[in-house]
Amino acid sequence: MPRPKAFYITLRLDARLDEAVRYLRDVRGIRKADRSAVVNALLDRDELWTESALDDLAAEVIDRLTSRLTR
């Protein structure tokens, strides 16, 4: 599967990413913090990618896919 150039995120998640970047820059003083760095830091955790963690995630993925279809 090729790497996506972009992907959809909810407005809520979009706002949370902006707030995280603002916090890291303004409060923590990390001037070069950006959305890409935040997303990578959040997702690049080995414990998120175990079969057990993915099994736990399955119900949430199904729920989100279903809600897309019913809107």
N, C-alpha and C. Protein backbone atom coordinates (compact mmCIF):
# COMPACT_ATOMS: atom_id res chain seq x y z
N MET A 1 0.84 -1.17 0.00
CA MET A 1 0.00 0.00 0.00
C MET A 1 0.90 1.24 0.00
N PRO A 2 0.71 2.13 -0.95
CA PRO A 2 1.54 3.35 -0.97
C PRO A 2 1.17 4.29 0.16
N ARG A 3 2.13 5.12 0.54
CA ARG A 3 1.88 6.10 1.59
C ARG A 3 0.92 7.16 1.09
N PRO A 4 -0.08 7.51 1.90
CA PRO A 4 -1.02 8.56 1.46
C PRO A 4 -0.37 9.93 1.50
N LYS A 5 -0.78 10.78 0.59
CA LYS A 5 -0.29 12.15 0.61
C LYS A 5 -1.10 12.98 1.61
N ALA A 6 -2.31 12.54 1.89
CA ALA A 6 -3.18 13.21 2.85
C ALA A 6 -4.23 12.20 3.31
N PHE A 7 -4.85 12.50 4.43
CA PHE A 7 -5.95 11.65 4.89
C PHE A 7 -6.91 12.50 5.69
N TYR A 8 -8.13 12.02 5.79
CA TYR A 8 -9.19 12.76 6.47
C TYR A 8 -9.05 12.64 7.97
N ILE A 9 -9.23 13.76 8.66
CA ILE A 9 -9.35 13.74 10.12
C ILE A 9 -10.58 14.57 10.48
N THR A 10 -11.17 14.28 11.63
CA THR A 10 -12.35 15.02 12.06
C THR A 10 -11.97 16.44 12.46
N LEU A 11 -12.97 17.30 12.49
CA LEU A 11 -12.74 18.68 12.94
C LEU A 11 -12.23 18.69 14.38
N ARG A 12 -12.76 17.79 15.20
CA ARG A 12 -12.34 17.70 16.61
C ARG A 12 -10.85 17.35 16.71
N LEU A 13 -10.42 16.36 15.93
CA LEU A 13 -9.02 15.96 15.95
C LEU A 13 -8.14 17.06 15.36
N ASP A 14 -8.62 17.73 14.34
CA ASP A 14 -7.88 18.83 13.74
C ASP A 14 -7.62 19.92 14.80
N ALA A 15 -8.65 20.25 15.56
CA ALA A 15 -8.49 21.26 16.61
C ALA A 15 -7.54 20.78 17.71
N ARG A 16 -7.63 19.51 18.06
CA ARG A 16 -6.73 18.97 19.09
C ARG A 16 -5.28 19.00 18.65
N LEU A 17 -5.03 18.71 17.38
CA LEU A 17 -3.66 18.78 16.87
C LEU A 17 -3.14 20.22 16.92
N ASP A 18 -3.98 21.15 16.51
CA ASP A 18 -3.57 22.56 16.58
C ASP A 18 -3.25 22.96 18.02
N GLU A 19 -4.08 22.53 18.96
CA GLU A 19 -3.86 22.87 20.36
C GLU A 19 -2.58 22.23 20.89
N ALA A 20 -2.31 21.00 20.48
CA ALA A 20 -1.08 20.32 20.91
C ALA A 20 0.15 21.07 20.39
N VAL A 21 0.10 21.49 19.13
CA VAL A 21 1.23 22.24 18.57
C VAL A 21 1.40 23.56 19.31
N ARG A 22 0.30 24.26 19.55
CA ARG A 22 0.36 25.52 20.28
C ARG A 22 0.96 25.32 21.67
N TYR A 23 0.52 24.28 22.37
CA TYR A 23 1.04 23.98 23.71
C TYR A 23 2.54 23.71 23.67
N LEU A 24 2.95 22.85 22.75
CA LEU A 24 4.37 22.49 22.67
C LEU A 24 5.23 23.71 22.34
N ARG A 25 4.72 24.58 21.50
CA ARG A 25 5.48 25.79 21.15
C ARG A 25 5.47 26.81 22.29
N ASP A 26 4.28 27.15 22.76
CA ASP A 26 4.14 28.26 23.71
C ASP A 26 4.51 27.89 25.14
N VAL A 27 4.08 26.73 25.59
CA VAL A 27 4.30 26.34 26.99
C VAL A 27 5.62 25.59 27.15
N ARG A 28 5.89 24.66 26.26
CA ARG A 28 7.11 23.85 26.38
C ARG A 28 8.30 24.44 25.64
N GLY A 29 8.09 25.45 24.83
CA GLY A 29 9.20 26.14 24.15
C GLY A 29 9.82 25.37 23.00
N ILE A 30 9.07 24.44 22.42
CA ILE A 30 9.59 23.66 21.28
C ILE A 30 9.17 24.40 20.00
N ARG A 31 9.98 25.34 19.58
CA ARG A 31 9.63 26.24 18.48
C ARG A 31 9.32 25.52 17.18
N LYS A 32 10.00 24.42 16.91
CA LYS A 32 9.83 23.73 15.63
C LYS A 32 8.74 22.67 15.66
N ALA A 33 7.99 22.59 16.75
CA ALA A 33 6.90 21.62 16.82
C ALA A 33 5.89 21.90 15.70
N ASP A 34 5.44 20.84 15.05
CA ASP A 34 4.40 20.98 14.03
C ASP A 34 3.49 19.77 14.08
N ARG A 35 2.44 19.81 13.30
CA ARG A 35 1.44 18.75 13.33
C ARG A 35 2.03 17.39 12.96
N SER A 36 2.90 17.37 11.99
CA SER A 36 3.51 16.11 11.57
C SER A 36 4.31 15.48 12.71
N ALA A 37 5.07 16.29 13.41
CA ALA A 37 5.87 15.77 14.53
C ALA A 37 4.97 15.24 15.64
N VAL A 38 3.87 15.94 15.91
CA VAL A 38 2.93 15.48 16.94
C VAL A 38 2.30 14.15 16.54
N VAL A 39 1.80 14.07 15.32
CA VAL A 39 1.17 12.82 14.85
C VAL A 39 2.17 11.67 14.89
N ASN A 40 3.37 11.89 14.43
CA ASN A 40 4.38 10.83 14.45
C ASN A 40 4.73 10.40 15.87
N ALA A 41 4.86 11.36 16.77
CA ALA A 41 5.18 11.03 18.16
C ALA A 41 4.04 10.24 18.82
N LEU A 42 2.81 10.60 18.51
CA LEU A 42 1.66 9.89 19.08
C LEU A 42 1.55 8.47 18.53
N LEU A 43 1.81 8.30 17.26
CA LEU A 43 1.60 6.99 16.62
C LEU A 43 2.81 6.07 16.66
N ASP A 44 3.98 6.60 16.87
CA ASP A 44 5.19 5.77 16.83
C ASP A 44 5.50 5.18 18.20
N ARG A 45 4.54 4.44 18.70
CA ARG A 45 4.68 3.75 19.99
C ARG A 45 4.39 2.28 19.76
N ASP A 46 5.35 1.44 20.08
CA ASP A 46 5.22 0.02 19.80
C ASP A 46 3.97 -0.60 20.41
N GLU A 47 3.55 -0.12 21.58
CA GLU A 47 2.40 -0.73 22.25
C GLU A 47 1.09 -0.51 21.49
N LEU A 48 1.06 0.44 20.57
CA LEU A 48 -0.14 0.68 19.77
C LEU A 48 -0.31 -0.31 18.63
N TRP A 49 0.75 -1.03 18.30
CA TRP A 49 0.76 -1.84 17.09
C TRP A 49 0.77 -3.35 17.36
N THR A 50 0.55 -3.74 18.60
CA THR A 50 0.47 -5.16 18.92
C THR A 50 -0.87 -5.70 18.42
N GLU A 51 -0.95 -7.03 18.25
CA GLU A 51 -2.22 -7.62 17.83
C GLU A 51 -3.31 -7.32 18.84
N SER A 52 -2.98 -7.35 20.11
CA SER A 52 -3.95 -7.07 21.15
C SER A 52 -4.49 -5.64 21.04
N ALA A 53 -3.61 -4.69 20.84
CA ALA A 53 -4.03 -3.29 20.70
C ALA A 53 -4.87 -3.10 19.45
N LEU A 54 -4.50 -3.76 18.37
CA LEU A 54 -5.28 -3.65 17.13
C LEU A 54 -6.64 -4.32 17.28
N ASP A 55 -6.70 -5.43 18.02
CA ASP A 55 -7.98 -6.07 18.30
C ASP A 55 -8.87 -5.12 19.09
N ASP A 56 -8.30 -4.42 20.06
CA ASP A 56 -9.06 -3.44 20.85
C ASP A 56 -9.55 -2.29 19.97
N LEU A 57 -8.78 -1.95 18.97
CA LEU A 57 -9.10 -0.85 18.08
C LEU A 57 -10.18 -1.21 17.06
N ALA A 58 -10.34 -2.48 16.76
CA ALA A 58 -11.23 -2.94 15.70
C ALA A 58 -12.65 -2.41 15.86
N ALA A 59 -13.21 -2.48 17.05
CA ALA A 59 -14.59 -2.03 17.26
C ALA A 59 -14.73 -0.53 16.98
N GLU A 60 -13.75 0.25 17.39
CA GLU A 60 -13.79 1.69 17.14
C GLU A 60 -13.70 1.99 15.64
N VAL A 61 -12.87 1.27 14.93
CA VAL A 61 -12.74 1.45 13.47
C VAL A 61 -14.07 1.12 12.80
N ILE A 62 -14.67 0.01 13.17
CA ILE A 62 -15.96 -0.38 12.59
C ILE A 62 -17.01 0.68 12.88
N ASP A 63 -17.04 1.21 14.09
CA ASP A 63 -17.99 2.25 14.45
C ASP A 63 -17.81 3.49 13.60
N ARG A 64 -16.57 3.89 13.41
CA ARG A 64 -16.31 5.10 12.60
C ARG A 64 -16.66 4.88 11.13
N LEU A 65 -16.36 3.71 10.61
CA LEU A 65 -16.71 3.42 9.22
C LEU A 65 -18.23 3.38 9.06
N THR A 66 -18.92 2.80 10.00
CA THR A 66 -20.38 2.73 9.95
C THR A 66 -20.99 4.12 10.01
N SER A 67 -20.45 4.97 10.89
CA SER A 67 -21.02 6.32 11.01
C SER A 67 -20.79 7.13 9.73
N ARG A 68 -19.73 6.87 9.00
CA ARG A 68 -19.51 7.55 7.73
C ARG A 68 -20.60 7.18 6.73
N LEU A 69 -21.01 5.92 6.75
CA LEU A 69 -22.00 5.45 5.80
C LEU A 69 -23.40 5.96 6.11
N THR A 70 -23.65 6.23 7.38
CA THR A 70 -25.00 6.61 7.77
C THR A 70 -25.20 8.12 7.85
N ARG A 71 -24.22 8.90 7.50
CA ARG A 71 -24.37 10.36 7.51
C ARG A 71 -25.01 10.84 6.25
